Amino acid sequence: MRVFRSALQWVLSASSIVPHCIPTDPASSPKSIAIVGAGSGGLAALKALLDLPQETRRDWQIDLFEQRDHVGGIWLAQTDTPSPPDLPDTPMYPSLRTNLPHPTMTYPHFPYPPMTALYPGYSAVQAYHEHFAQHYNLTPYIHFSHTVVNASYHQETHWTIEIELNGTALPEQRYDHLIVANGHNHYPHIPRWDGLEMWLSSSGQREMHHSLWYREPDRYRNHTVVVVGNGDSGRDIAMHVSKVAKKVYHSYDNNTREPVFSPPVPSAIYKPRISHLTNSAIVFTDNTTLSTSGPTTILLATGYDLVVPFLSPLATSPFVDYSTITLTTNRRYIRPLYRHVLALDPELPPNALAFIGLPMWVATAPSDYAQGLFVAHAIADSAMLSSRETMLLELENSERALEAQGIDPFFNGHRLQGRTRPVDYQEEFIAYLRANSSVALPPFLADGRPYVERWRRDVRQYIFLLKKAWARAEELGLQDAFIRGAVTEEEWAEVMERLKEWYVQEEEDRLPTISVLRVEDNEG
């Protein structure tokens, strides 16, 4: 069946979401579940709960609280970006495009509409999430402009949740289960270097700020800019700023294990990490210096701190190790969590608190839905879970396996290391449910088919090449010819395969210099 009949119909239907009011008494239901956040993870969790058999979830109270006025999470644009120290709702900037082709980022069997650019801008991604919510009738469960300000677990029986509607406190609500899906791109990680304050105060033409506040490159016209960080945002911002800046330096650790979905920025000058600053220069770890006369900006693409301020049981400490049993974050890693999802704090039942969307280096929507299915079944059938001691042992074994590879699990955080790990991670949830849950899985999983389709696995082998291929197709004005007629997932998979083959032929003379496995090599 073709989900989208026309692009116009798709856009019109996606605009129909309206706010809903908070329920009056979720405690009166046989089981009550609160979800925080209507981005990819929250929508996946909600859809997974509603995919439980009707007789299983009969009379359950399910509420999703979203502090903004539409779904989409970080993909929902913000009209007015506040200045520091006030935090924007999203780090999204107008020129942002996805770093992965959209067919790899979809919820199962729900493709993007026809003629969507293979690497779309933010508005297409946000509209996709809106239509997903509308198509599956998720909106009656979503309460917009509702901000969860505190969630605490009481008397070993229930959550007490404090909520504000447009800044006005509402009566406390009581829930049996809490699913945290509020994303992890909100609280900027700000490194500190010796001499920074002196450097900033020595000239009114110097500044430093985080990419959370970045919106347009023109602000840096004729500036010298040092972009710190080589993640997706760091490379993208360095590329855009280099078109208007006097000079751009790109500072990062060149030995990173991070997957590289984009090549280095050719117009930027590579520098290692910053060591310290003086009143007139930036000093790097190789002892080279950059004299900073004239307008100079340090632009931090240094990621985000993993904290959840509204979650009372979650402590913050710089120290997380194998002895950490109470729920704690070192701002990179939350422990102890079973498979990055279920909180194993001894003060909580194993299915009382779940996190959706923590893993990195994985396609979010399909991973979020696999996590959501696991959580939904754990709520419906808690007997399917192993003992807390067994789950803690599995967690420690997985951490020590990373350590044996030379990877610090407590610094690595929730990154899924390894060539096949992102795919294996999703399949493990489905295998677990097939083996242990007494509740039926959705029909598309009932016959034992793999959760991650073969085409999703295959495209990972040439994902680096594919982005270059799309850029070349756009350069030649051929992009529409490649995507025209693609509607189903299988047709989008054929588009990517055809684009890859075309590019290999197009660049035949240069092919020996291109490693189609470069992404996997960088994943460890």
Protein backbone atom coordinates (compact mmCIF):
# COMPACT_ATOMS: atom_id res chain seq x y z
CA MET A 1 0.00 0.00 0.00
CA ARG A 2 1.26 3.48 -0.82
CA VAL A 3 1.08 5.61 2.30
CA PHE A 4 1.22 8.99 0.57
CA ARG A 5 -1.05 9.70 -2.40
CA SER A 6 0.34 13.15 -3.11
CA ALA A 7 2.82 15.57 -1.61
CA LEU A 8 0.10 18.24 -1.28
CA GLN A 9 -2.21 15.90 0.61
CA TRP A 10 0.70 14.94 2.86
CA VAL A 11 1.56 18.54 3.78
CA LEU A 12 -2.06 19.52 4.37
CA SER A 13 -2.74 16.57 6.66
CA ALA A 14 0.46 17.24 8.62
CA SER A 15 -0.80 20.70 9.59
CA SER A 16 -3.85 19.47 11.45
CA ILE A 17 -2.32 18.83 14.90
CA VAL A 18 -3.84 20.88 17.70
CA PRO A 19 -3.13 20.98 21.45
CA HIS A 20 -4.99 18.70 23.85
CA CYS A 21 -5.75 19.08 27.53
CA ILE A 22 -4.24 17.12 30.36
CA PRO A 23 -6.35 14.24 31.76
CA THR A 24 -7.94 14.82 35.12
CA ASP A 25 -7.17 11.56 36.90
CA PRO A 26 -4.67 9.12 35.32
CA ALA A 27 -4.45 7.34 38.71
CA SER A 28 -7.95 5.95 38.15
CA SER A 29 -6.75 3.79 35.22
CA PRO A 30 -5.55 0.19 35.69
CA LYS A 31 -2.16 1.26 34.32
CA SER A 32 -0.92 4.78 33.60
CA ILE A 33 2.09 5.83 31.53
CA ALA A 34 3.61 9.28 31.04
CA ILE A 35 5.94 10.04 28.13
CA VAL A 36 8.06 13.19 28.06
CA GLY A 37 8.91 14.62 24.65
CA ALA A 38 7.25 14.45 21.23
CA GLY A 39 10.37 14.10 19.13
CA SER A 40 11.40 10.91 17.37
CA GLY A 41 11.76 8.93 20.59
CA GLY A 42 8.53 10.01 22.23
CA LEU A 43 6.46 9.35 19.13
CA ALA A 44 8.11 5.94 18.74
CA ALA A 45 7.31 5.03 22.35
CA LEU A 46 3.71 6.17 21.98
CA LYS A 47 3.24 4.26 18.72
CA ALA A 48 4.77 1.12 20.26
CA LEU A 49 2.39 1.26 23.24
CA LEU A 50 -0.58 1.65 20.91
CA ASP A 51 0.68 -1.28 18.85
CA LEU A 52 0.10 -3.58 21.81
CA PRO A 53 -3.01 -5.73 21.37
CA GLN A 54 -6.15 -3.85 22.33
CA GLU A 55 -7.06 -6.39 25.01
CA THR A 56 -3.62 -5.90 26.61
CA ARG A 57 -3.78 -2.11 26.92
CA ARG A 58 -7.51 -1.80 27.50
CA ASP A 59 -8.32 1.25 29.69
CA TRP A 60 -4.66 2.22 30.08
CA GLN A 61 -4.02 5.94 30.50
CA ILE A 62 -1.23 7.03 28.14
CA ASP A 63 -0.18 10.69 28.03
CA LEU A 64 2.65 12.33 26.14
CA PHE A 65 3.74 15.76 27.38
CA GLU A 66 5.46 18.13 24.97
CA GLN A 67 6.60 21.59 26.05
CA ARG A 68 6.38 23.03 22.53
CA ASP A 69 3.33 23.45 20.30
CA HIS A 70 4.07 20.77 17.69
CA VAL A 71 5.85 17.44 17.41
CA GLY A 72 9.29 17.01 15.92
CA GLY A 73 11.74 17.71 18.72
CA ILE A 74 14.92 19.40 17.52
CA TRP A 75 13.55 19.51 13.95
CA LEU A 76 10.87 22.00 14.97
CA ALA A 77 12.15 25.48 14.13
CA GLN A 78 12.21 28.26 16.71
CA THR A 79 11.11 31.68 15.48
CA ASP A 80 13.14 33.74 17.94
CA THR A 81 16.43 32.36 19.22
CA PRO A 82 17.25 33.68 22.69
CA SER A 83 20.70 34.99 23.50
CA PRO A 84 23.00 33.25 26.00
CA PRO A 85 22.65 32.25 28.73
CA ASP A 86 18.99 31.50 27.86
CA LEU A 87 18.75 28.16 26.06
CA PRO A 88 17.05 27.80 22.67
CA ASP A 89 14.49 25.03 22.32
CA THR A 90 16.48 23.54 19.44
CA PRO A 91 19.97 23.74 17.91
CA MET A 92 18.41 23.61 14.45
CA TYR A 93 19.68 26.26 12.00
CA PRO A 94 18.09 27.16 8.64
CA SER A 95 20.73 25.56 6.41
CA LEU A 96 20.75 22.26 8.30
CA ARG A 97 20.22 19.11 6.27
CA THR A 98 20.29 15.51 7.41
CA ASN A 99 23.64 13.75 7.36
CA LEU A 100 21.99 10.43 6.47
CA PRO A 101 19.66 9.66 3.54
CA HIS A 102 16.08 9.85 4.76
CA PRO A 103 15.09 6.26 3.80
CA THR A 104 17.51 5.03 6.48
CA MET A 105 15.92 7.31 9.10
CA THR A 106 12.29 6.22 8.84
CA TYR A 107 9.98 4.43 11.21
CA PRO A 108 9.29 0.91 9.90
CA HIS A 109 7.11 0.93 6.79
CA PHE A 110 6.46 4.66 6.87
CA PRO A 111 8.55 6.33 4.13
CA TYR A 112 8.96 10.00 3.35
CA PRO A 113 6.65 11.43 0.67
CA PRO A 114 7.50 11.33 -3.04
CA MET A 115 10.15 13.73 -4.34
CA THR A 116 11.69 14.39 -0.92
CA ALA A 117 15.35 15.30 -1.39
CA LEU A 118 17.50 12.37 -0.32
CA TYR A 119 19.17 14.58 2.32
CA PRO A 120 16.28 16.86 3.28
CA GLY A 121 16.24 20.07 5.26
CA TYR A 122 14.76 20.41 8.73
CA SER A 123 11.24 21.34 7.62
CA ALA A 124 10.77 18.07 5.72
CA VAL A 125 11.93 16.05 8.73
CA GLN A 126 9.64 17.93 11.10
CA ALA A 127 6.70 17.52 8.73
CA TYR A 128 7.45 13.79 8.49
CA HIS A 129 7.06 13.47 12.25
CA GLU A 130 3.85 15.50 12.20
CA HIS A 131 2.35 13.28 9.56
CA PHE A 132 3.46 10.15 11.40
CA ALA A 133 1.57 11.40 14.47
CA GLN A 134 -1.51 12.30 12.44
CA HIS A 135 -1.53 9.15 10.29
CA TYR A 136 -1.45 6.79 13.28
CA ASN A 137 -3.83 8.90 15.37
CA LEU A 138 -1.27 9.66 18.04
CA THR A 139 -2.38 13.25 18.55
CA PRO A 140 -5.22 12.56 21.02
CA TYR A 141 -2.56 11.34 23.44
CA ILE A 142 -0.26 14.38 23.06
CA HIS A 143 -0.53 17.42 25.33
CA PHE A 144 1.27 20.37 23.79
CA SER A 145 2.68 23.35 25.71
CA HIS A 146 2.91 21.07 28.76
CA THR A 147 6.32 21.19 30.45
CA VAL A 148 7.30 18.50 32.95
CA VAL A 149 9.20 20.36 35.68
CA ASN A 150 9.66 17.51 38.16
CA ALA A 151 9.18 13.76 38.30
CA SER A 152 9.80 11.90 41.54
CA TYR A 153 9.11 8.31 42.57
CA HIS A 154 7.04 7.93 45.73
CA GLN A 155 6.50 5.15 48.22
CA GLU A 156 7.95 2.58 45.83
CA THR A 157 4.63 2.59 43.96
CA HIS A 158 4.18 5.53 41.59
CA TRP A 159 5.54 8.65 39.94
CA THR A 160 4.39 12.09 41.00
CA ILE A 161 4.76 14.46 38.06
CA GLU A 162 4.60 18.25 38.22
CA ILE A 163 3.55 19.93 35.00
CA GLU A 164 3.19 23.50 33.79
CA LEU A 165 0.88 24.61 31.00
CA ASN A 166 2.33 27.71 29.37
CA GLY A 167 4.12 28.49 32.64
CA THR A 168 1.13 27.89 34.93
CA ALA A 169 1.40 25.01 37.39
CA LEU A 170 -1.19 22.26 37.05
CA PRO A 171 -2.27 19.80 39.74
CA GLU A 172 0.27 17.03 40.33
CA GLN A 173 -0.36 13.87 38.34
CA ARG A 174 0.30 10.28 39.37
CA TYR A 175 1.60 7.63 36.93
CA ASP A 176 2.80 4.05 37.22
CA HIS A 177 5.44 4.31 34.49
CA LEU A 178 7.58 7.11 33.08
CA ILE A 179 9.26 7.17 29.66
CA VAL A 180 11.87 9.90 29.18
CA ALA A 181 12.27 10.85 25.52
CA ASN A 182 13.23 14.51 25.73
CA GLY A 183 16.36 14.22 23.58
CA HIS A 184 19.95 14.98 24.47
CA ASN A 185 20.76 18.10 22.44
CA HIS A 186 19.68 20.82 24.84
CA TYR A 187 22.30 21.50 27.51
CA PRO A 188 25.52 22.61 25.78
CA HIS A 189 28.85 21.20 26.86
CA ILE A 190 31.17 24.17 27.35
CA PRO A 191 34.86 23.28 27.71
CA ARG A 192 37.06 25.54 29.82
CA TRP A 193 40.66 26.43 29.06
CA ASP A 194 43.25 28.27 31.09
CA GLY A 195 43.42 31.88 29.98
CA LEU A 196 39.97 31.94 28.39
CA GLU A 197 38.59 34.80 30.47
CA MET A 198 41.75 36.83 29.91
CA TRP A 199 41.56 36.21 26.16
CA LEU A 200 37.91 37.26 26.00
CA SER A 201 38.36 40.38 28.09
CA SER A 202 41.51 41.58 26.30
CA SER A 203 39.53 42.67 23.24
CA GLY A 204 35.94 43.59 22.56
CA GLN A 205 36.27 41.87 19.19
CA ARG A 206 36.46 38.35 20.62
CA GLU A 207 33.70 35.98 21.59
CA MET A 208 32.99 32.34 22.25
CA HIS A 209 29.65 30.56 22.06
CA HIS A 210 28.20 27.12 21.48
CA SER A 211 26.65 25.89 18.25
CA LEU A 212 23.32 25.62 20.12
CA TRP A 213 22.97 29.35 19.35
CA TYR A 214 24.34 29.17 15.77
CA ARG A 215 21.81 30.16 13.10
CA GLU A 216 23.34 32.06 10.15
CA PRO A 217 26.94 32.23 8.88
CA ASP A 218 26.71 35.91 7.97
CA ARG A 219 27.26 36.85 11.62
CA TYR A 220 30.89 35.75 11.13
CA ARG A 221 31.58 37.69 7.95
CA ASN A 222 35.22 38.83 7.91
CA HIS A 223 35.85 37.14 11.27
CA THR A 224 38.58 34.68 12.06
CA VAL A 225 36.64 31.65 13.30
CA VAL A 226 37.89 28.63 15.22
CA VAL A 227 35.33 25.83 15.05
CA VAL A 228 35.95 23.34 17.86
CA GLY A 229 34.64 19.81 17.30
CA ASN A 230 34.42 17.41 14.36
CA GLY A 231 30.94 16.01 14.74
CA ASP A 232 28.24 16.56 12.16
CA SER A 233 27.51 20.09 13.36
CA GLY A 234 31.19 21.02 13.55
CA ARG A 235 31.89 20.02 9.96
CA ASP A 236 28.67 21.52 8.63
CA ILE A 237 29.10 24.85 10.42
CA ALA A 238 32.78 25.08 9.41
CA MET A 239 31.76 24.57 5.80
CA HIS A 240 29.07 27.28 5.87
CA VAL A 241 31.09 29.81 7.86
CA SER A 242 34.12 29.38 5.60
CA LYS A 243 32.14 30.98 2.76
CA VAL A 244 31.98 34.35 4.54
CA ALA A 245 34.68 34.35 7.22
CA LYS A 246 38.13 35.84 6.81
CA LYS A 247 39.64 32.49 7.76
CA VAL A 248 38.33 29.31 9.41
CA TYR A 249 40.34 26.94 11.59
CA HIS A 250 38.86 23.56 12.46
CA SER A 251 40.11 22.24 15.81
CA TYR A 252 39.60 18.60 16.78
CA ASP A 253 41.31 15.38 17.74
CA ASN A 254 42.42 13.81 14.48
CA ASN A 255 42.44 10.33 16.05
CA THR A 256 38.71 10.30 16.74
CA ARG A 257 36.77 7.03 16.53
CA GLU A 258 33.65 8.89 15.51
CA PRO A 259 31.94 7.80 12.27
CA VAL A 260 32.64 10.27 9.50
CA PHE A 261 29.65 10.76 7.23
CA SER A 262 31.20 13.83 5.61
CA PRO A 263 34.74 14.55 4.40
CA PRO A 264 36.93 17.15 6.16
CA VAL A 265 36.13 20.74 5.28
CA PRO A 266 38.59 21.60 2.48
CA SER A 267 38.40 25.36 2.99
CA ALA A 268 39.20 25.15 6.72
CA ILE A 269 42.67 24.86 8.22
CA TYR A 270 43.00 21.85 10.50
CA LYS A 271 44.30 22.40 14.03
CA PRO A 272 44.53 19.97 16.96
CA ARG A 273 42.72 20.62 20.22
CA ILE A 274 43.10 23.89 22.08
CA SER A 275 45.60 23.72 24.94
CA HIS A 276 45.15 27.17 26.50
CA LEU A 277 44.82 30.85 25.64
CA THR A 278 46.85 33.96 26.30
CA ASN A 279 45.73 37.56 26.11
CA SER A 280 46.59 37.65 22.42
CA ALA A 281 46.62 34.08 21.09
CA ILE A 282 45.06 30.63 21.04
CA VAL A 283 47.59 27.90 21.78
CA PHE A 284 47.01 24.38 20.47
CA THR A 285 48.24 21.06 21.83
CA ASP A 286 50.99 20.86 19.21
CA ASN A 287 52.34 24.17 20.60
CA THR A 288 51.35 26.14 17.51
CA THR A 289 49.64 29.46 18.17
CA LEU A 290 47.02 31.54 16.45
CA SER A 291 47.38 35.28 16.99
CA THR A 292 43.93 36.77 17.34
CA SER A 293 43.93 40.33 16.09
CA GLY A 294 40.66 41.62 14.71
CA PRO A 295 37.22 40.00 15.14
CA THR A 296 37.72 36.42 16.32
CA THR A 297 35.16 33.84 17.36
CA ILE A 298 35.59 30.43 19.00
CA LEU A 299 32.52 28.48 17.91
CA LEU A 300 31.97 25.37 20.03
CA ALA A 301 30.53 22.30 18.33
CA THR A 302 31.39 20.30 21.43
CA GLY A 303 28.19 18.40 21.99
CA TYR A 304 25.81 18.38 24.92
CA ASP A 305 25.71 17.36 28.55
CA LEU A 306 23.48 14.39 29.21
CA VAL A 307 21.34 15.63 32.09
CA VAL A 308 17.61 15.46 32.82
CA PRO A 309 16.89 18.25 35.32
CA PHE A 310 13.26 17.31 35.93
CA LEU A 311 14.08 13.71 36.88
CA SER A 312 14.58 13.59 40.65
CA PRO A 313 16.05 10.05 40.91
CA LEU A 314 18.83 10.92 38.43
CA ALA A 315 21.89 12.20 40.30
CA THR A 316 24.75 14.07 38.63
CA SER A 317 28.33 13.16 39.50
CA PRO A 318 31.68 13.35 37.68
CA PHE A 319 32.29 9.74 38.75
CA VAL A 320 30.42 6.84 37.19
CA ASP A 321 31.97 3.38 37.32
CA TYR A 322 31.12 -0.26 37.90
CA SER A 323 30.09 0.46 41.49
CA THR A 324 27.41 2.95 40.41
CA ILE A 325 24.08 1.33 41.26
CA THR A 326 21.85 4.33 41.95
CA LEU A 327 20.79 6.17 38.81
CA THR A 328 23.56 8.64 37.96
CA THR A 329 24.87 10.63 35.01
CA ASN A 330 28.42 11.88 34.51
CA ARG A 331 26.98 14.12 31.76
CA ARG A 332 28.03 11.60 29.09
CA TYR A 333 26.55 8.34 30.34
CA ILE A 334 23.56 7.35 32.43
CA ARG A 335 24.08 4.27 34.60
CA PRO A 336 22.77 1.73 35.37
CA LEU A 337 20.54 1.19 32.34
CA TYR A 338 19.64 -2.16 30.81
CA ARG A 339 20.45 -1.97 27.11
CA HIS A 340 20.51 1.85 27.34
CA VAL A 341 16.78 1.80 28.18
CA LEU A 342 15.51 0.45 31.52
CA ALA A 343 16.66 2.05 34.79
CA LEU A 344 18.08 -0.58 37.17
CA ASP A 345 18.21 1.66 40.25
CA PRO A 346 17.22 -0.59 43.21
CA GLU A 347 14.70 2.04 44.37
CA LEU A 348 12.69 1.56 41.17
CA PRO A 349 10.87 -1.44 39.70
CA PRO A 350 12.78 -2.42 36.52
CA ASN A 351 9.94 -1.26 34.24
CA ALA A 352 9.09 1.95 36.12
CA LEU A 353 11.52 4.24 34.26
CA ALA A 354 12.69 3.98 30.67
CA PHE A 355 14.76 6.16 28.37
CA ILE A 356 14.16 6.27 24.62
CA GLY A 357 16.69 7.72 22.18
CA LEU A 358 19.94 7.69 24.16
CA PRO A 359 22.02 5.60 21.71
CA MET A 360 24.19 7.51 19.25
CA TRP A 361 25.65 6.51 15.88
CA VAL A 362 22.42 4.75 14.98
CA ALA A 363 19.48 5.76 12.77
CA THR A 364 17.14 7.23 15.35
CA ALA A 365 13.58 6.47 14.25
CA PRO A 366 13.94 2.69 13.67
CA SER A 367 16.11 2.34 16.79
CA ASP A 368 13.64 4.39 18.83
CA TYR A 369 10.75 2.18 17.75
CA ALA A 370 12.66 -1.01 18.60
CA GLN A 371 13.37 0.44 22.05
CA GLY A 372 9.74 1.51 22.33
CA LEU A 373 8.50 -2.02 21.61
CA PHE A 374 10.78 -3.39 24.30
CA VAL A 375 9.49 -0.85 26.84
CA ALA A 376 5.84 -1.41 25.88
CA HIS A 377 6.19 -5.16 26.38
CA ALA A 378 8.11 -4.71 29.64
CA ILE A 379 5.18 -2.64 30.94
CA ALA A 380 2.59 -5.11 29.67
CA ASP A 381 4.44 -8.21 30.86
CA SER A 382 7.01 -7.45 33.56
CA ALA A 383 7.56 -11.19 34.06
CA MET A 384 9.42 -11.28 30.74
CA LEU A 385 12.35 -9.39 32.30
CA SER A 386 15.29 -11.16 33.87
CA SER A 387 16.15 -10.44 37.48
CA ARG A 388 17.75 -7.10 38.28
CA GLU A 389 20.99 -8.92 39.15
CA THR A 390 21.05 -10.66 35.76
CA MET A 391 20.41 -7.41 33.91
CA LEU A 392 23.13 -5.63 35.90
CA LEU A 393 25.54 -8.43 35.05
CA GLU A 394 24.74 -8.09 31.36
CA LEU A 395 25.34 -4.34 31.59
CA GLU A 396 28.72 -4.83 33.26
CA ASN A 397 29.74 -7.49 30.74
CA SER A 398 28.94 -5.15 27.84
CA GLU A 399 30.91 -2.33 29.49
CA ARG A 400 33.91 -4.56 30.15
CA ALA A 401 33.81 -5.78 26.54
CA LEU A 402 34.21 -2.17 25.41
CA GLU A 403 37.01 -1.69 27.91
CA ALA A 404 38.80 -4.73 26.48
CA GLN A 405 38.75 -2.93 23.10
CA GLY A 406 40.42 0.12 24.61
CA ILE A 407 37.15 2.07 24.86
CA ASP A 408 36.19 3.74 28.14
CA PRO A 409 32.50 2.81 28.50
CA PHE A 410 31.83 5.64 30.93
CA PHE A 411 33.31 8.25 28.60
CA ASN A 412 32.07 6.64 25.41
CA GLY A 413 28.57 7.06 26.75
CA HIS A 414 25.73 5.62 24.70
CA ARG A 415 27.60 5.42 21.39
CA LEU A 416 27.05 2.11 19.63
CA GLN A 417 30.60 1.07 18.72
CA GLY A 418 31.35 -1.51 16.05
CA ARG A 419 30.61 -2.18 12.41
CA THR A 420 27.39 -4.09 12.94
CA ARG A 421 26.48 -2.93 16.44
CA PRO A 422 23.74 -0.41 15.47
CA VAL A 423 21.90 -3.11 13.52
CA ASP A 424 22.54 -5.87 16.06
CA TYR A 425 21.28 -3.60 18.83
CA GLN A 426 17.86 -3.26 17.22
CA GLU A 427 17.57 -6.94 16.34
CA GLU A 428 18.39 -7.95 19.92
CA PHE A 429 15.25 -6.25 21.22
CA ILE A 430 13.04 -8.10 18.78
CA ALA A 431 14.76 -11.43 19.46
CA TYR A 432 14.30 -10.88 23.19
CA LEU A 433 10.58 -10.18 22.78
CA ARG A 434 10.06 -13.19 20.54
CA ALA A 435 11.72 -15.40 23.12
CA ASN A 436 10.25 -13.95 26.31
CA SER A 437 7.14 -11.81 25.89
CA SER A 438 3.69 -13.29 26.30
CA VAL A 439 2.23 -10.37 24.33
CA ALA A 440 1.87 -10.49 20.56
CA LEU A 441 4.21 -8.41 18.43
CA PRO A 442 2.92 -6.15 15.64
CA PRO A 443 1.86 -8.09 12.54
CA PHE A 444 4.87 -7.03 10.47
CA LEU A 445 7.10 -8.88 12.96
CA ALA A 446 4.87 -11.88 13.52
CA ASP A 447 6.41 -14.15 10.88
CA GLY A 448 9.98 -13.98 12.14
CA ARG A 449 11.30 -11.56 9.55
CA PRO A 450 14.35 -9.47 10.54
CA TYR A 451 13.49 -6.11 12.06
CA VAL A 452 16.21 -4.32 10.11
CA GLU A 453 15.56 -4.91 6.43
CA ARG A 454 18.40 -6.10 4.21
CA TRP A 455 18.45 -2.84 2.27
CA ARG A 456 19.05 -0.86 5.48
CA ARG A 457 21.99 -3.13 6.25
CA ASP A 458 23.38 -2.88 2.73
CA VAL A 459 23.28 0.90 2.50
CA ARG A 460 25.51 1.17 5.57
CA GLN A 461 28.31 -0.29 3.44
CA TYR A 462 28.35 2.71 1.13
CA ILE A 463 26.82 5.49 3.21
CA PHE A 464 29.90 7.70 2.90
CA LEU A 465 29.95 7.28 -0.86
CA LEU A 466 26.22 7.96 -1.12
CA LYS A 467 26.41 11.47 0.29
CA LYS A 468 29.12 12.36 -2.22
CA ALA A 469 26.97 10.85 -4.95
CA TRP A 470 23.98 12.98 -3.99
CA ALA A 471 26.11 16.12 -3.88
CA ARG A 472 27.38 15.33 -7.37
CA ALA A 473 23.84 14.70 -8.65
CA GLU A 474 22.74 18.08 -7.24
CA GLU A 475 25.74 19.76 -8.82
CA LEU A 476 24.68 18.40 -12.21
CA GLY A 477 20.97 19.08 -11.62
CA LEU A 478 20.12 15.37 -11.80
CA GLN A 479 18.74 14.88 -8.29
CA ASP A 480 15.06 14.90 -9.27
CA ALA A 481 15.65 12.34 -11.99
CA PHE A 482 16.98 9.88 -9.42
CA ILE A 483 14.13 10.19 -6.92
CA ARG A 484 11.20 10.61 -9.32
CA GLY A 485 8.66 7.81 -8.89
CA ALA A 486 9.98 6.51 -5.56
CA VAL A 487 7.17 5.95 -3.07
CA THR A 488 7.65 2.67 -1.21
CA GLU A 489 10.60 1.72 0.97
CA GLU A 490 11.75 -0.73 -1.66
CA GLU A 491 11.68 1.96 -4.34
CA TRP A 492 13.68 4.34 -2.16
CA ALA A 493 16.20 1.54 -1.58
CA GLU A 494 16.50 1.17 -5.35
CA VAL A 495 17.11 4.93 -5.65
CA MET A 496 20.08 4.71 -3.30
CA GLU A 497 21.52 1.67 -5.05
CA ARG A 498 21.12 3.28 -8.46
CA LEU A 499 22.65 6.53 -7.27
CA LYS A 500 25.64 4.68 -5.84
CA GLU A 501 26.23 2.73 -9.05
CA TRP A 502 25.93 5.89 -11.14
CA TYR A 503 28.45 7.71 -8.99
CA VAL A 504 30.94 4.84 -9.09
CA GLN A 505 30.77 4.97 -12.88
CA GLU A 506 30.86 8.77 -12.89
CA GLU A 507 33.99 8.82 -10.74
CA GLU A 508 35.61 5.69 -12.12
CA ASP A 509 39.04 7.25 -12.44
CA ARG A 510 38.97 8.47 -8.83
CA LEU A 511 37.41 5.34 -7.31
CA PRO A 512 40.67 3.86 -5.93
CA THR A 513 40.95 6.89 -3.61
CA ILE A 514 37.46 6.38 -2.18
CA SER A 515 36.91 3.88 0.62
CA VAL A 516 33.27 2.83 0.73
CA LEU A 517 33.95 1.22 4.11
CA ARG A 518 35.36 4.37 5.66
CA VAL A 519 32.33 4.88 7.90
CA GLU A 520 32.61 1.41 9.38
CA ASP A 521 36.36 1.70 9.81
CA ASN A 522 35.78 4.81 11.93
CA GLU A 523 33.16 3.04 14.00
CA GLY A 524 35.84 0.77 15.39
